[in-house]
Amino acid sequence: MAEIVSMPKLGFDMSEGTLVNWVKKEGDQVEKGELLAEIETDKATVEVESLYSGTVRKLLVSQGTVVPVNQPIAVVGGKDEKIDFDALTSSQPESAAVPEPAKSE
């Protein structure tokens, strides 16, 4: 089952973070607890581990993007799983509108 990875709250007063670097890219396997991304807060750059195991199916934000806490940043799911990304991301609370998708490099 596809899971949405959201911008984590890395500090008590954190309201947003900057996605500095994707360690994994679309199509990469990721295990729960494995490094997924680096997030910069107003105090530090933090390595963020995946909460899910599977394949990184879609990166929803580009590196350098400032993202509010709890907004979707990626989708992890089965390698060949059929995923309706629009339906999956639209099921998020309205306050968690999806940022502009990442551009492939």
Protein backbone atom coordinates (compact mmCIF):
# COMPACT_ATOMS: atom_id res chain seq x y z
CA MET A 1 0.00 0.00 0.00
CA ALA A 2 1.33 3.43 -0.94
CA GLU A 3 2.26 5.71 1.93
CA ILE A 4 2.72 9.47 1.96
CA VAL A 5 5.89 10.82 3.52
CA SER A 6 5.19 14.22 5.08
CA MET A 7 7.49 17.02 6.18
CA PRO A 8 8.37 16.02 9.74
CA LYS A 9 8.22 18.38 12.70
CA LEU A 10 11.83 18.32 13.86
CA GLY A 11 11.53 20.83 16.67
CA PHE A 12 8.94 22.17 19.08
CA ASP A 13 8.54 25.49 17.28
CA MET A 14 9.21 24.27 13.73
CA SER A 15 6.52 25.31 11.24
CA GLU A 16 8.39 24.64 8.00
CA GLY A 17 11.62 23.17 6.72
CA THR A 18 13.72 23.32 3.57
CA LEU A 19 14.24 20.08 1.71
CA VAL A 20 17.99 20.40 1.13
CA ASN A 21 18.77 17.03 -0.46
CA TRP A 22 17.00 13.88 -1.54
CA VAL A 23 19.27 10.97 -0.59
CA LYS A 24 16.95 8.55 -2.42
CA LYS A 25 15.51 9.21 -5.87
CA GLU A 26 12.40 7.95 -7.64
CA GLY A 27 12.65 4.22 -8.24
CA ASP A 28 15.11 3.60 -5.38
CA GLN A 29 14.36 0.98 -2.73
CA VAL A 30 14.16 2.32 0.81
CA GLU A 31 13.89 0.47 4.09
CA LYS A 32 12.22 1.77 7.24
CA GLY A 33 14.90 3.66 9.18
CA GLU A 34 17.07 4.27 6.12
CA LEU A 35 18.15 7.82 5.23
CA LEU A 36 15.67 9.42 2.83
CA ALA A 37 16.36 13.17 2.81
CA GLU A 38 18.11 16.07 4.49
CA ILE A 39 15.90 18.81 5.93
CA GLU A 40 17.11 22.21 7.07
CA THR A 41 15.35 23.92 9.96
CA ASP A 42 16.11 27.36 11.36
CA LYS A 43 18.60 25.70 13.72
CA ALA A 44 20.24 22.76 11.90
CA THR A 45 20.28 20.41 8.93
CA VAL A 46 18.81 17.06 9.95
CA GLU A 47 19.00 13.67 8.24
CA VAL A 48 15.47 12.26 7.98
CA GLU A 49 14.85 8.52 7.94
CA SER A 50 12.01 6.83 6.08
CA LEU A 51 9.07 5.66 8.15
CA TYR A 52 8.19 3.11 5.46
CA SER A 53 9.81 0.34 3.44
CA GLY A 54 9.25 0.07 -0.31
CA THR A 55 10.11 1.90 -3.49
CA VAL A 56 10.29 5.69 -3.70
CA ARG A 57 7.53 6.13 -6.26
CA LYS A 58 7.28 9.91 -6.43
CA LEU A 59 9.15 12.90 -5.04
CA LEU A 60 6.57 15.65 -4.56
CA VAL A 61 8.93 18.56 -3.88
CA SER A 62 12.20 19.71 -5.40
CA GLN A 63 15.43 20.18 -3.50
CA GLY A 64 15.59 23.70 -2.08
CA THR A 65 11.82 23.93 -1.54
CA VAL A 66 10.49 25.33 1.73
CA VAL A 67 7.69 23.03 2.90
CA PRO A 68 5.27 23.49 5.82
CA VAL A 69 5.25 20.75 8.47
CA ASN A 70 2.91 17.82 7.66
CA GLN A 71 2.70 18.57 3.93
CA PRO A 72 3.41 15.60 1.62
CA ILE A 73 6.94 15.42 0.25
CA ALA A 74 7.11 11.90 -1.26
CA VAL A 75 5.22 8.68 -1.91
CA VAL A 76 6.63 5.25 -0.99
CA GLY A 77 4.89 2.12 -2.25
CA GLY A 78 5.28 -1.21 -3.96
CA LYS A 79 7.54 -1.34 -7.02
CA ASP A 80 4.74 -2.33 -9.42
CA GLU A 81 1.81 -1.03 -7.38
CA LYS A 82 -0.73 1.01 -9.33
CA ILE A 83 -1.03 4.33 -7.53
CA ASP A 84 -3.47 7.14 -8.26
CA PHE A 85 -1.19 9.95 -7.07
CA ASP A 86 -3.90 12.61 -7.48
CA ALA A 87 -6.36 10.68 -5.30
CA LEU A 88 -3.68 9.79 -2.76
CA THR A 89 -2.45 13.35 -2.29
CA SER A 90 -5.94 14.89 -2.44
CA SER A 91 -6.94 12.74 0.55
CA GLN A 92 -4.66 14.92 2.69
CA PRO A 93 -6.24 17.62 4.87
CA GLU A 94 -6.96 20.81 2.97
CA SER A 95 -4.32 22.66 4.99
CA ALA A 96 -1.77 20.25 3.53
CA ALA A 97 -1.97 21.28 -0.11
CA VAL A 98 0.62 19.49 -2.23
CA PRO A 99 3.65 21.61 -3.18
CA GLU A 100 4.74 21.80 -6.81
CA PRO A 101 6.09 18.42 -8.03
CA ALA A 102 9.83 17.84 -8.26
CA LYS A 103 11.37 18.24 -11.69
CA SER A 104 13.31 15.28 -13.07
CA GLU A 105 16.97 16.00 -13.58
